[in-house]
Amino acid sequence: MSTFKETGLLPEILEAIEALGFENPTPIQEKVIPALINSTSDLIALAQTGTGKTAAFGLPIINQIDMQIREVQALVLCPTRELCMQITKDLESFSTKMRGFKTVAVYGGSSITTQLRDLKSGCQIVVGTPGRTLDLIKRKALKINTIKFLVLDEADEMLNMGFQEDLDAILQSSPDTKQVLLFSATMPKEIQRIAKKYMKDAVEISVGKRNAGADNVSHEYFTVNGRDRYAALKRIADVNPNIYGIVFCRTRMETKEVADKLISDGYNADALHGDLSQAQRDQVMGRFRSKNLQLLVATDVAARGLDVNELTHVINYNLPDDLEAYVHRSGRTGRAGKTGVSILIIHSRESKKIKELQQMTGKTFTKKMVPGGKEICEKQLFNLIDKFENIDINDAQIESFMPDIYKKLDWLSREDLIKRIVSVEFNRFVSYYQDAPDLNLTRTESSDSSDSREQRRQRGTTFSRFFINLGLRDNVNVSTLIGYLNRNLKGQKIEIGKVEIMKKFSFFEMDKIYEDEVLAAFKNADFDDKEVVIELSKPEPVGAKKFQDEPTDRRKRYNNESSSKESRFKDKKKFGARSYRN
């Protein structure tokens, strides 16, 4: 199938998409559209963001909508407000020639009164976020008992954002006769559970490998000391003068810090995180989409659902805790047929993660050297020359000023004039990067770090025991907790001892002489938008029963489901408590 005319879509739909400039279907559209038009089977489609998934499910659904019925016939669920609005806009564009067709968007952060009114007036398709959709179903304002299609778009993202219970409730309240269409970039166990529980004999369509990155995105990584991470970010931005991208951070606090530093250093940047109101979020996104911002610093949660097709770079300021999230991050660039670059800034201890990512995505990750001052100045200079060459001159506006300008500069030779014009912009880079140090982490530095850690072990470090309110329920394991501790300690080389992961909380040991530094580092800290609490804990006596040394109120708070010592030990076994010594 090389054209949309061969898909079997209605003439009205073909006319609408032709007006939009659609000529040939993308690979996911080429596979999904005929499958949905010619079959009522459930469908699982695995493809990256930016591959045309909305048209893949939207066009065949619109094609099969009964225009005589003013009831909801299709429900599309997606993770964020932005994606909800984008899907609605696309569906409206595809159906401009379909008289009487209506799509309604429902999402949180906006007036529910307006959405109630829109639903009451009647529509054929509802696009919504899980929370608001379920709220409207419970209010009996949204009736889904007649739907023919239920689409889960970016299903893995919805589960990552904690919508599992909402999705279960919506799926259970929908008719058994519906056709379930699941679209996802990755296929984690939770998605497999939904497919097994709510889908029947589903057909699986895949564009590329599972968890694989997009083919037109190149992957690069830079290895630096933790303390040089921000300096490396600046150099990456400076050596790419026309960069237009997203910088991904793990926490809201880090997002704010990095954005504030970039703004202070004169970059066109801003932050996108969970503390922003919807109005502030819309303002930031408006500036980013209009390219008034070159760099958007964001958390994974805040960036979900963003629909920007022209990003040149995605920069991972830190590796995501869940490596599958890297697939989503890198998929933000290289969209709509364009090429893009996904960059990671790592420490030597994270080198194994690069190998895991290569195996998972099937892509080659190229190690790059952090550029030095000379390379950056050269890039900036020729970028400036390109601007001079390609600038549009408005003769009418400047003509009256030119005689005075000629007279003012008449004493300069052609060569001196060019040098002075170039130096106006170029001098600041030369001055800033003069005698700039090499940020690349050498093997010697890496081994020195390991040696010092081993030496501390040998001399017998005295540890303090800490309590932290993160556990298995927060998707925390030993490696993610150690990584989280190291990031917040900002490169301080503090020995980590025993680590125990429980259901709702954990314990870890750190060098006793750094107690104050550890407590200070985690003041006002967060983890995936959850406020983190770290407290000193009494050391666990040898042979003592678990939790016996913890304060009574804390035991009650985190173990209220266990009323006896026996049940607590059962819980510990059930939820897989583990211990580890680094």
Protein backbone atom coordinates (compact mmCIF):
# COMPACT_ATOMS: atom_id res chain seq x y z
CA MET A 1 0.00 0.00 0.00
CA SER A 2 1.74 3.14 -1.24
CA THR A 3 -1.09 5.73 -1.03
CA PHE A 4 -4.02 6.47 1.27
CA LYS A 5 -6.43 5.84 -1.62
CA GLU A 6 -5.57 2.14 -1.39
CA THR A 7 -6.62 1.92 2.27
CA GLY A 8 -10.35 1.87 1.64
CA LEU A 9 -11.05 5.13 3.50
CA LEU A 10 -14.16 7.18 2.66
CA PRO A 11 -13.80 9.90 -0.03
CA GLU A 12 -14.58 12.61 2.56
CA ILE A 13 -11.66 11.46 4.73
CA LEU A 14 -9.30 11.21 1.75
CA GLU A 15 -10.24 14.75 0.74
CA ALA A 16 -9.53 16.05 4.27
CA ILE A 17 -6.12 14.39 4.62
CA GLU A 18 -5.14 15.45 1.10
CA ALA A 19 -5.83 19.04 2.12
CA LEU A 20 -3.52 18.47 5.12
CA GLY A 21 -0.72 17.43 2.78
CA PHE A 22 -0.84 13.72 3.58
CA GLU A 23 0.38 11.73 0.58
CA ASN A 24 1.84 8.40 1.63
CA PRO A 25 1.12 6.50 4.86
CA THR A 26 3.87 5.96 7.41
CA PRO A 27 4.85 2.32 8.18
CA ILE A 28 2.56 2.14 11.24
CA GLN A 29 -0.35 3.65 9.26
CA GLU A 30 0.28 1.28 6.36
CA LYS A 31 -0.12 -1.71 8.69
CA VAL A 32 -2.81 -0.52 11.12
CA ILE A 33 -5.38 1.22 8.89
CA PRO A 34 -6.27 -1.84 6.73
CA ALA A 35 -6.23 -4.06 9.82
CA LEU A 36 -8.84 -1.90 11.58
CA ILE A 37 -11.04 -1.36 8.52
CA ASN A 38 -11.17 -5.05 7.63
CA SER A 39 -11.26 -6.67 11.08
CA THR A 40 -12.96 -6.37 14.46
CA SER A 41 -10.10 -8.05 16.33
CA ASP A 42 -8.36 -6.32 19.20
CA LEU A 43 -5.01 -4.84 18.23
CA ILE A 44 -1.64 -4.14 19.89
CA ALA A 45 0.55 -1.71 17.96
CA LEU A 46 4.15 -1.13 19.03
CA ALA A 47 5.74 2.01 17.61
CA GLN A 48 7.70 5.05 18.79
CA THR A 49 6.22 8.48 19.34
CA GLY A 50 6.18 10.65 16.24
CA THR A 51 5.46 7.80 13.81
CA GLY A 52 1.88 8.83 12.99
CA LYS A 53 -0.04 6.72 15.49
CA THR A 54 -2.95 9.18 15.81
CA ALA A 55 -3.78 8.89 12.12
CA ALA A 56 -3.21 5.13 12.29
CA PHE A 57 -6.13 4.63 14.67
CA GLY A 58 -8.01 7.88 14.06
CA LEU A 59 -8.66 7.55 10.33
CA PRO A 60 -10.17 4.01 10.40
CA ILE A 61 -12.25 4.84 13.50
CA ILE A 62 -13.71 7.96 11.83
CA ASN A 63 -14.29 5.82 8.74
CA GLN A 64 -16.54 3.46 10.76
CA ILE A 65 -18.43 6.03 12.88
CA ASP A 66 -22.21 6.06 12.38
CA MET A 67 -22.96 9.73 11.69
CA GLN A 68 -26.67 9.21 12.37
CA ILE A 69 -26.03 8.36 16.02
CA ARG A 70 -25.18 11.21 18.42
CA GLU A 71 -23.71 8.91 21.06
CA VAL A 72 -20.13 8.16 22.08
CA GLN A 73 -18.88 5.39 19.81
CA ALA A 74 -15.14 5.65 20.49
CA LEU A 75 -13.13 6.49 23.63
CA VAL A 76 -9.44 7.42 23.31
CA LEU A 77 -7.40 7.46 26.53
CA CYS A 78 -3.98 9.17 26.72
CA PRO A 79 -1.59 10.20 29.52
CA THR A 80 -1.58 14.03 29.46
CA ARG A 81 -3.62 17.13 28.77
CA GLU A 82 -1.29 18.20 25.95
CA LEU A 83 -1.56 14.90 24.13
CA CYS A 84 -5.32 14.86 24.68
CA MET A 85 -5.65 18.27 23.02
CA GLN A 86 -3.33 17.27 20.18
CA ILE A 87 -5.25 14.06 19.39
CA THR A 88 -8.54 15.97 19.45
CA LYS A 89 -7.14 18.59 17.08
CA ASP A 90 -5.91 15.88 14.70
CA LEU A 91 -9.24 14.01 14.72
CA GLU A 92 -11.06 17.26 13.98
CA SER A 93 -8.70 17.89 11.05
CA PHE A 94 -9.29 14.39 9.66
CA SER A 95 -13.09 14.82 9.85
CA THR A 96 -13.57 18.34 8.44
CA LYS A 97 -15.60 16.96 5.52
CA MET A 98 -17.80 14.77 7.76
CA ARG A 99 -20.91 16.83 8.50
CA GLY A 100 -22.27 16.30 12.02
CA PHE A 101 -19.09 14.70 13.34
CA LYS A 102 -17.90 15.91 16.77
CA THR A 103 -14.99 15.09 19.08
CA VAL A 104 -14.86 16.20 22.74
CA ALA A 105 -11.70 16.43 24.85
CA VAL A 106 -11.89 15.83 28.62
CA TYR A 107 -8.91 16.37 30.92
CA GLY A 108 -7.96 17.67 34.32
CA GLY A 109 -6.71 21.20 34.98
CA SER A 110 -9.63 22.71 33.06
CA SER A 111 -13.24 23.56 33.84
CA ILE A 112 -15.35 20.43 34.18
CA THR A 113 -18.48 22.53 33.61
CA THR A 114 -17.52 23.21 29.99
CA GLN A 115 -16.74 19.55 29.42
CA LEU A 116 -20.06 18.49 30.93
CA ARG A 117 -21.85 20.88 28.57
CA ASP A 118 -19.94 19.58 25.54
CA LEU A 119 -20.78 15.98 26.41
CA LYS A 120 -24.43 16.80 26.92
CA SER A 121 -24.66 18.31 23.44
CA GLY A 122 -23.60 14.97 21.98
CA CYS A 123 -20.48 13.64 20.23
CA GLN A 124 -19.16 10.51 18.56
CA ILE A 125 -15.60 10.41 19.96
CA VAL A 126 -14.26 11.36 23.40
CA VAL A 127 -10.54 11.85 23.97
CA GLY A 128 -9.55 12.00 27.63
CA THR A 129 -7.01 11.49 30.37
CA PRO A 130 -7.85 8.52 32.63
CA GLY A 131 -8.57 10.50 35.82
CA ARG A 132 -11.02 13.00 34.33
CA THR A 133 -12.62 10.34 32.13
CA LEU A 134 -13.35 8.10 35.11
CA ASP A 135 -14.68 11.08 37.07
CA LEU A 136 -17.17 11.87 34.28
CA ILE A 137 -18.18 8.20 34.01
CA LYS A 138 -18.93 8.12 37.76
CA ARG A 139 -20.99 11.31 37.39
CA LYS A 140 -22.90 9.51 34.61
CA ALA A 141 -22.12 12.43 32.32
CA LEU A 142 -20.01 10.21 30.05
CA LYS A 143 -21.76 7.04 28.97
CA ILE A 144 -19.52 4.45 27.39
CA ASN A 145 -21.97 1.55 27.24
CA THR A 146 -22.32 2.02 23.46
CA ILE A 147 -18.67 2.43 22.47
CA LYS A 148 -17.32 0.32 19.62
CA PHE A 149 -13.68 1.31 20.07
CA LEU A 150 -11.49 1.88 23.12
CA VAL A 151 -8.01 3.20 22.34
CA LEU A 152 -5.17 3.20 24.86
CA ASP A 153 -2.62 5.61 23.38
CA GLU A 154 0.87 5.64 24.96
CA ALA A 155 -0.37 2.95 27.32
CA ASP A 156 3.04 2.43 28.93
CA GLU A 157 3.19 6.13 29.81
CA MET A 158 -0.25 6.01 31.45
CA LEU A 159 0.88 3.13 33.65
CA ASN A 160 4.13 4.89 34.51
CA MET A 161 2.11 7.90 35.65
CA GLY A 162 0.05 5.79 38.06
CA PHE A 163 -3.19 5.44 36.10
CA GLN A 164 -3.42 1.65 36.40
CA GLU A 165 -6.44 1.64 38.76
CA ASP A 166 -8.26 4.23 36.62
CA LEU A 167 -7.63 2.21 33.47
CA ASP A 168 -8.85 -0.97 35.14
CA ALA A 169 -12.05 0.76 36.26
CA ILE A 170 -12.73 2.21 32.79
CA LEU A 171 -12.01 -1.06 30.98
CA GLN A 172 -14.24 -3.00 33.38
CA SER A 173 -17.16 -0.60 32.92
CA SER A 174 -16.98 -0.68 29.10
CA PRO A 175 -18.91 -3.22 26.98
CA ASP A 176 -17.33 -6.59 26.20
CA THR A 177 -18.18 -6.16 22.51
CA LYS A 178 -15.82 -3.19 22.03
CA GLN A 179 -12.63 -3.37 19.98
CA VAL A 180 -9.60 -2.55 22.15
CA LEU A 181 -6.68 -0.84 20.41
CA LEU A 182 -3.48 -0.58 22.46
CA PHE A 183 -0.65 1.66 21.24
CA SER A 184 2.66 1.68 23.10
CA ALA A 185 6.35 2.37 22.53
CA THR A 186 7.43 -0.31 25.01
CA MET A 187 5.90 -3.57 26.23
CA PRO A 188 6.52 -3.86 30.00
CA LYS A 189 4.83 -6.50 32.17
CA GLU A 190 1.99 -4.15 33.13
CA ILE A 191 1.02 -3.72 29.48
CA GLN A 192 1.14 -7.47 28.97
CA ARG A 193 -1.18 -7.84 31.99
CA ILE A 194 -3.74 -5.45 30.49
CA ALA A 195 -3.53 -7.21 27.14
CA LYS A 196 -4.07 -10.62 28.73
CA LYS A 197 -6.94 -9.47 30.97
CA TYR A 198 -8.93 -7.16 28.69
CA MET A 199 -8.09 -8.14 25.11
CA LYS A 200 -9.21 -11.16 23.10
CA ASP A 201 -7.01 -12.80 20.47
CA ALA A 202 -5.25 -9.50 19.86
CA VAL A 203 -3.34 -9.01 16.64
CA GLU A 204 0.14 -7.55 17.26
CA ILE A 205 1.63 -5.08 14.82
CA SER A 206 5.14 -3.81 15.38
CA VAL A 207 7.16 -1.18 13.58
CA GLY A 208 10.77 -1.85 14.58
CA LYS A 209 11.81 -3.95 17.57
CA ARG A 210 10.27 -3.76 21.02
CA ASN A 211 11.81 -1.03 23.14
CA ALA A 212 13.88 0.02 20.12
CA GLY A 213 14.77 3.62 19.40
CA ALA A 214 13.80 5.42 16.21
CA ASP A 215 16.01 4.69 13.19
CA ASN A 216 16.70 8.36 12.41
CA VAL A 217 18.01 9.20 15.90
CA SER A 218 21.72 8.91 16.66
CA HIS A 219 22.81 8.15 20.23
CA GLU A 220 25.86 9.73 21.88
CA TYR A 221 27.26 9.84 25.40
CA PHE A 222 29.81 11.96 27.27
CA THR A 223 31.65 10.73 30.38
CA VAL A 224 32.44 13.38 33.02
CA ASN A 225 32.78 13.82 36.77
CA GLY A 226 29.48 14.47 38.54
CA ARG A 227 30.61 17.97 39.50
CA ASP A 228 31.23 18.80 35.80
CA ARG A 229 27.82 17.70 34.55
CA TYR A 230 26.42 21.22 34.17
CA ALA A 231 29.61 22.55 32.55
CA ALA A 232 29.41 19.68 30.03
CA LEU A 233 25.77 20.56 29.30
CA LYS A 234 26.76 24.15 28.50
CA ARG A 235 29.53 23.04 26.16
CA ILE A 236 27.16 20.67 24.34
CA ALA A 237 24.74 23.56 23.86
CA ASP A 238 27.50 25.95 22.75
CA VAL A 239 28.97 23.55 20.19
CA ASN A 240 25.46 23.21 18.68
CA PRO A 241 24.50 26.90 18.14
CA ASN A 242 21.14 26.05 16.55
CA ILE A 243 20.13 23.51 19.18
CA TYR A 244 16.40 23.16 19.86
CA GLY A 245 15.82 20.48 22.44
CA ILE A 246 14.73 19.09 25.78
CA VAL A 247 17.07 18.52 28.73
CA PHE A 248 15.71 15.68 30.89
CA CYS A 249 16.34 15.71 34.66
CA ARG A 250 15.16 13.23 37.28
CA THR A 251 13.60 15.53 39.87
CA ARG A 252 11.72 18.81 40.07
CA MET A 253 14.47 20.32 42.20
CA GLU A 254 17.18 19.43 39.71
CA THR A 255 15.02 20.73 36.86
CA LYS A 256 14.66 24.10 38.59
CA GLU A 257 18.38 24.29 39.41
CA VAL A 258 19.54 23.48 35.88
CA ALA A 259 17.03 25.86 34.25
CA ASP A 260 17.89 28.69 36.64
CA LYS A 261 21.61 28.26 35.91
CA LEU A 262 21.02 28.25 32.15
CA ILE A 263 18.88 31.38 32.32
CA SER A 264 21.46 33.08 34.53
CA ASP A 265 24.19 32.18 32.02
CA GLY A 266 22.25 33.79 29.16
CA TYR A 267 20.65 30.77 27.48
CA ASN A 268 17.09 30.84 26.12
CA ALA A 269 15.83 28.20 28.52
CA ASP A 270 13.02 27.49 30.98
CA ALA A 271 11.77 24.67 33.21
CA LEU A 272 8.74 22.40 32.97
CA HIS A 273 7.89 20.49 36.15
CA GLY A 274 5.05 19.45 38.44
CA ASP A 275 5.09 22.61 40.58
CA LEU A 276 3.87 24.78 37.69
CA SER A 277 0.21 25.73 37.43
CA GLN A 278 -1.56 24.85 34.19
CA ALA A 279 -1.40 28.51 33.09
CA GLN A 280 2.36 28.62 33.73
CA ARG A 281 2.82 25.31 31.93
CA ASP A 282 0.88 26.60 28.91
CA GLN A 283 2.99 29.75 28.84
CA VAL A 284 6.27 27.83 28.90
CA MET A 285 5.08 25.42 26.22
CA GLY A 286 3.85 28.31 24.07
CA ARG A 287 7.29 29.92 24.16
CA PHE A 288 8.96 26.59 23.42
CA ARG A 289 6.73 25.72 20.48
CA SER A 290 7.29 29.18 18.99
CA LYS A 291 11.07 28.61 19.43
CA ASN A 292 11.49 31.58 21.74
CA LEU A 293 13.12 28.97 23.98
CA GLN A 294 15.97 26.85 22.68
CA LEU A 295 16.17 24.53 25.68
CA LEU A 296 13.32 23.14 27.75
CA VAL A 297 14.46 21.54 31.03
CA ALA A 298 11.89 18.97 32.14
CA THR A 299 11.14 15.87 34.20
CA ASP A 300 9.83 12.74 32.48
CA VAL A 301 6.37 13.25 34.02
CA ALA A 302 6.11 16.89 32.94
CA ALA A 303 7.29 16.17 29.39
CA ARG A 304 4.83 13.37 28.66
CA GLY A 305 2.46 14.13 25.87
CA LEU A 306 4.49 17.00 24.40
CA ASP A 307 4.01 17.14 20.66
CA VAL A 308 6.90 19.05 19.06
CA ASN A 309 8.20 17.69 15.77
CA GLU A 310 11.33 19.74 15.10
CA LEU A 311 13.57 18.98 18.09
CA THR A 312 17.21 18.64 17.10
CA HIS A 313 18.44 17.20 20.41
CA VAL A 314 17.33 15.37 23.52
CA ILE A 315 19.86 15.64 26.35
CA ASN A 316 19.75 13.23 29.28
CA TYR A 317 21.25 15.26 32.11
CA ASN A 318 20.89 12.06 34.11
CA LEU A 319 19.99 8.55 33.05
CA PRO A 320 16.37 7.69 33.84
CA ASP A 321 15.83 5.26 36.74
CA ASP A 322 13.81 3.04 34.42
CA LEU A 323 15.89 2.52 31.28
CA GLU A 324 12.75 1.98 29.20
CA ALA A 325 12.00 5.67 29.78
CA TYR A 326 15.06 6.39 27.62
CA VAL A 327 13.13 5.09 24.60
CA HIS A 328 10.45 7.71 25.21
CA ARG A 329 12.98 10.47 25.83
CA SER A 330 14.96 9.77 22.66
CA GLY A 331 11.72 9.47 20.68
CA ARG A 332 11.03 13.17 21.24
CA THR A 333 13.56 13.97 18.50
CA GLY A 334 13.90 12.60 14.99
CA ARG A 335 10.17 12.91 14.34
CA ALA A 336 8.15 13.56 11.20
CA GLY A 337 10.95 12.22 8.99
CA LYS A 338 13.64 14.48 10.48
CA THR A 339 16.91 13.38 12.08
CA GLY A 340 17.84 13.96 15.70
CA VAL A 341 20.47 13.34 18.35
CA SER A 342 19.94 11.80 21.79
CA ILE A 343 22.76 12.63 24.23
CA LEU A 344 23.61 11.18 27.63
CA ILE A 345 25.88 12.81 30.20
CA ILE A 346 27.18 10.04 32.45
CA HIS A 347 29.79 9.20 35.06
CA SER A 348 32.14 6.23 34.64
CA ARG A 349 30.06 4.19 37.12
CA GLU A 350 27.17 4.32 34.66
CA SER A 351 29.07 2.79 31.74
CA LYS A 352 27.31 -0.55 32.26
CA LYS A 353 23.98 1.22 31.71
CA ILE A 354 25.13 2.23 28.23
CA LYS A 355 25.71 -1.43 27.38
CA GLU A 356 22.24 -2.29 28.72
CA LEU A 357 20.69 0.47 26.60
CA GLN A 358 22.50 -0.77 23.50
CA GLN A 359 21.19 -4.28 24.06
CA MET A 360 17.67 -3.06 24.80
CA THR A 361 17.33 -0.64 21.87
CA GLY A 362 19.50 -2.44 19.34
CA LYS A 363 21.26 0.87 18.65
CA THR A 364 24.91 1.85 18.74
CA PHE A 365 25.85 4.47 21.34
CA THR A 366 28.87 6.52 20.29
CA LYS A 367 31.24 7.85 22.94
CA LYS A 368 32.01 11.51 22.32
CA MET A 369 34.59 13.83 23.86
CA VAL A 370 33.29 16.95 25.60
CA PRO A 371 34.32 19.77 23.23
CA GLY A 372 37.08 22.14 24.26
CA GLY A 373 37.15 25.92 23.98
CA LYS A 374 38.82 26.00 20.54
CA GLU A 375 36.25 23.68 18.96
CA ILE A 376 33.33 25.63 20.44
CA CYS A 377 34.72 29.00 19.33
CA GLU A 378 35.21 27.66 15.79
CA LYS A 379 31.60 26.41 15.65
CA GLN A 380 30.24 29.70 16.97
CA LEU A 381 32.37 31.74 14.56
CA PHE A 382 31.18 29.95 11.44
CA ASN A 383 27.59 29.99 12.70
CA LEU A 384 27.93 33.78 12.94
CA ILE A 385 29.32 33.95 9.40
CA ASP A 386 26.39 31.84 8.14
CA LYS A 387 23.98 34.31 9.73
CA PHE A 388 25.72 37.20 7.95
CA GLU A 389 25.48 35.37 4.63
CA ASN A 390 21.83 34.43 4.93
CA ILE A 391 20.32 37.46 6.69
CA ASP A 392 17.40 39.17 4.94
CA ILE A 393 18.16 42.84 4.28
CA ASN A 394 15.31 45.34 4.37
CA ASP A 395 16.74 48.08 2.16
CA ALA A 396 13.76 50.38 2.60
CA GLN A 397 14.13 50.53 6.37
CA ILE A 398 17.89 51.02 6.60
CA GLU A 399 18.49 53.07 3.45
CA SER A 400 18.17 56.45 5.19
CA PHE A 401 20.76 55.46 7.81
CA MET A 402 23.39 54.15 5.43
CA PRO A 403 25.10 57.44 4.43
CA ASP A 404 25.91 58.24 8.08
CA ILE A 405 27.05 54.67 8.69
CA TYR A 406 29.35 54.76 5.65
CA LYS A 407 30.79 58.05 6.85
CA LYS A 408 31.28 56.70 10.38
CA LEU A 409 33.12 53.57 9.19
CA ASP A 410 34.93 55.07 6.21
CA TRP A 411 38.29 55.03 8.01
CA LEU A 412 38.22 51.23 8.37
CA SER A 413 39.58 48.88 5.73
CA ARG A 414 37.44 45.98 4.48
CA GLU A 415 39.46 43.49 6.56
CA ASP A 416 39.27 45.59 9.76
CA LEU A 417 35.53 46.09 9.33
CA ILE A 418 34.90 42.33 9.03
CA LYS A 419 37.09 41.60 12.04
CA ARG A 420 35.26 44.13 14.21
CA ILE A 421 31.80 42.91 13.19
CA VAL A 422 32.75 39.31 13.91
CA SER A 423 34.39 40.21 17.22
CA VAL A 424 31.25 41.90 18.59
CA GLU A 425 29.62 38.48 19.05
CA PHE A 426 32.66 36.22 19.03
CA ASN A 427 34.79 37.83 21.76
CA ARG A 428 32.60 36.63 24.60
CA PHE A 429 33.14 32.98 23.64
CA VAL A 430 36.90 33.46 23.23
CA SER A 431 37.06 35.15 26.64
CA TYR A 432 34.89 32.56 28.38
CA TYR A 433 36.68 29.50 27.01
CA GLN A 434 40.21 30.84 27.30
CA ASP A 435 42.20 28.25 29.28
CA ALA A 436 39.04 26.14 29.68
CA PRO A 437 39.83 22.80 31.39
CA ASP A 438 39.31 19.39 29.82
CA LEU A 439 36.07 17.96 31.27
CA ASN A 440 36.48 14.44 29.90
CA LEU A 441 36.85 11.79 32.59
CA THR A 442 40.08 9.88 32.13
CA ARG A 443 40.65 6.23 33.05
CA THR A 444 43.05 7.34 35.76
CA GLU A 445 40.41 9.48 37.46
CA SER A 446 37.91 6.65 37.22
CA SER A 447 40.25 4.08 38.78
CA ASP A 448 41.31 6.54 41.51
CA SER A 449 37.68 6.80 42.56
CA SER A 450 37.37 3.01 42.80
CA ASP A 451 40.66 2.69 44.68
CA SER A 452 39.66 5.24 47.29
CA ARG A 453 36.38 3.44 47.86
CA GLU A 454 38.18 0.11 48.31
CA GLN A 455 40.68 1.71 50.71
CA ARG A 456 37.82 3.02 52.84
CA ARG A 457 36.31 -0.46 52.98
CA GLN A 458 39.60 -1.97 54.08
CA ARG A 459 40.15 0.48 56.91
CA GLY A 460 36.68 -0.29 58.31
CA THR A 461 34.31 2.67 57.83
CA THR A 462 31.85 3.38 60.69
CA PHE A 463 28.35 3.67 59.26
CA SER A 464 25.21 5.51 60.30
CA ARG A 465 21.87 3.96 59.44
CA PHE A 466 19.21 6.07 57.67
CA PHE A 467 15.50 5.60 57.05
CA ILE A 468 13.97 6.75 53.71
CA ASN A 469 10.28 6.65 52.76
CA LEU A 470 10.86 4.99 49.37
CA GLY A 471 10.41 1.30 48.72
CA LEU A 472 9.28 -1.35 46.26
CA ARG A 473 5.95 0.42 45.78
CA ASP A 474 7.87 3.41 44.43
CA ASN A 475 9.66 1.19 41.88
CA VAL A 476 12.87 1.48 43.91
CA ASN A 477 15.49 -1.24 43.97
CA VAL A 478 19.04 -1.30 45.31
CA SER A 479 20.65 0.19 42.20
CA THR A 480 18.07 2.97 41.75
CA LEU A 481 18.30 3.94 45.42
CA ILE A 482 22.12 4.10 45.34
CA GLY A 483 21.94 6.15 42.15
CA TYR A 484 19.40 8.50 43.72
CA LEU A 485 21.59 8.97 46.81
CA ASN A 486 24.68 9.71 44.74
CA ARG A 487 22.87 12.24 42.55
CA ASN A 488 21.54 14.25 45.47
CA LEU A 489 24.93 14.21 47.18
CA LYS A 490 26.25 15.98 44.06
CA GLY A 491 29.47 14.09 43.57
CA GLN A 492 30.52 13.84 47.25
CA LYS A 493 32.40 10.58 47.63
CA ILE A 494 30.56 9.09 50.62
CA GLU A 495 30.82 5.37 51.32
CA ILE A 496 27.49 3.51 51.10
CA GLY A 497 27.11 0.42 53.27
CA LYS A 498 24.18 -1.94 53.70
CA VAL A 499 20.97 -1.21 51.76
CA GLU A 500 17.60 -2.83 52.59
CA ILE A 501 14.57 -2.37 50.34
CA MET A 502 11.12 -2.87 51.90
CA LYS A 503 7.58 -2.50 50.59
CA LYS A 504 6.98 1.16 51.50
CA PHE A 505 10.36 2.31 52.79
CA SER A 506 14.04 1.38 52.94
CA PHE A 507 17.16 1.61 55.10
CA PHE A 508 20.69 2.44 54.00
CA GLU A 509 24.05 3.00 55.66
CA MET A 510 26.51 5.82 54.99
CA ASP A 511 29.82 6.94 56.45
CA LYS A 512 29.04 8.28 59.92
CA ILE A 513 31.14 11.43 59.61
CA TYR A 514 28.82 12.66 56.81
CA GLU A 515 25.54 12.48 58.77
CA ASP A 516 24.86 16.23 58.57
CA GLU A 517 25.72 16.41 54.85
CA VAL A 518 23.36 13.54 54.05
CA LEU A 519 20.44 15.04 55.97
CA ALA A 520 21.03 18.47 54.44
CA ALA A 521 21.27 17.09 50.88
CA PHE A 522 17.78 15.59 51.06
CA LYS A 523 15.97 18.52 52.63
CA ASN A 524 13.02 19.33 50.31
CA ALA A 525 14.08 16.51 47.96
CA ASP A 526 11.61 14.56 45.82
CA PHE A 527 11.52 11.33 43.84
CA ASP A 528 9.14 11.11 40.86
CA ASP A 529 7.13 14.00 42.36
CA LYS A 530 6.91 12.31 45.78
CA GLU A 531 8.29 14.20 48.79
CA VAL A 532 11.24 12.31 50.23
CA VAL A 533 11.80 11.91 53.98
CA ILE A 534 15.21 10.80 55.28
CA GLU A 535 15.88 10.37 59.00
CA LEU A 536 18.64 8.93 61.15
CA SER A 537 17.81 5.46 62.41
CA LYS A 538 19.28 3.56 65.32
CA PRO A 539 21.75 0.88 64.20
CA GLU A 540 20.28 -2.58 63.87
CA PRO A 541 21.60 -4.84 66.70
CA VAL A 542 23.01 -8.16 65.60
CA GLY A 543 20.28 -10.81 65.79
CA ALA A 544 17.56 -8.23 66.52
CA LYS A 545 14.15 -8.70 64.95
CA LYS A 546 13.38 -6.52 61.98
CA PHE A 547 11.99 -3.05 62.75
CA GLN A 548 12.34 -3.54 66.51
CA ASP A 549 14.76 -0.63 66.77
CA GLU A 550 12.50 1.80 64.89
CA PRO A 551 10.30 4.35 66.72
CA THR A 552 6.81 3.08 67.53
CA ASP A 553 5.00 5.78 65.58
CA ARG A 554 7.00 4.99 62.44
CA ARG A 555 6.25 1.27 62.75
CA LYS A 556 2.56 2.06 63.05
CA ARG A 557 2.67 4.46 60.14
CA TYR A 558 4.37 2.10 57.66
CA ASN A 559 3.24 -1.28 58.97
CA ASN A 560 -0.41 -0.63 59.87
CA GLU A 561 -1.39 -3.56 57.70
CA SER A 562 0.54 -5.92 59.98
CA SER A 563 -0.88 -6.28 63.48
CA SER A 564 1.59 -8.84 64.78
CA LYS A 565 5.24 -9.80 64.51
CA GLU A 566 4.26 -12.90 62.53
CA SER A 567 2.30 -10.89 59.94
CA ARG A 568 5.14 -8.41 59.61
CA PHE A 569 7.57 -11.21 58.79
CA LYS A 570 5.08 -12.60 56.27
CA ASP A 571 4.79 -9.18 54.66
CA LYS A 572 8.54 -8.89 54.47
CA LYS A 573 8.74 -12.22 52.69
CA LYS A 574 5.78 -11.43 50.44
CA PHE A 575 7.12 -8.12 49.21
CA GLY A 576 10.65 -9.33 48.76
CA ALA A 577 12.71 -7.38 51.30
CA ARG A 578 16.34 -7.55 50.29
CA SER A 579 19.67 -6.51 51.67
CA TYR A 580 22.82 -5.53 49.88
CA ARG A 581 26.24 -4.38 50.88
CA ASN A 582 28.04 -2.17 48.37
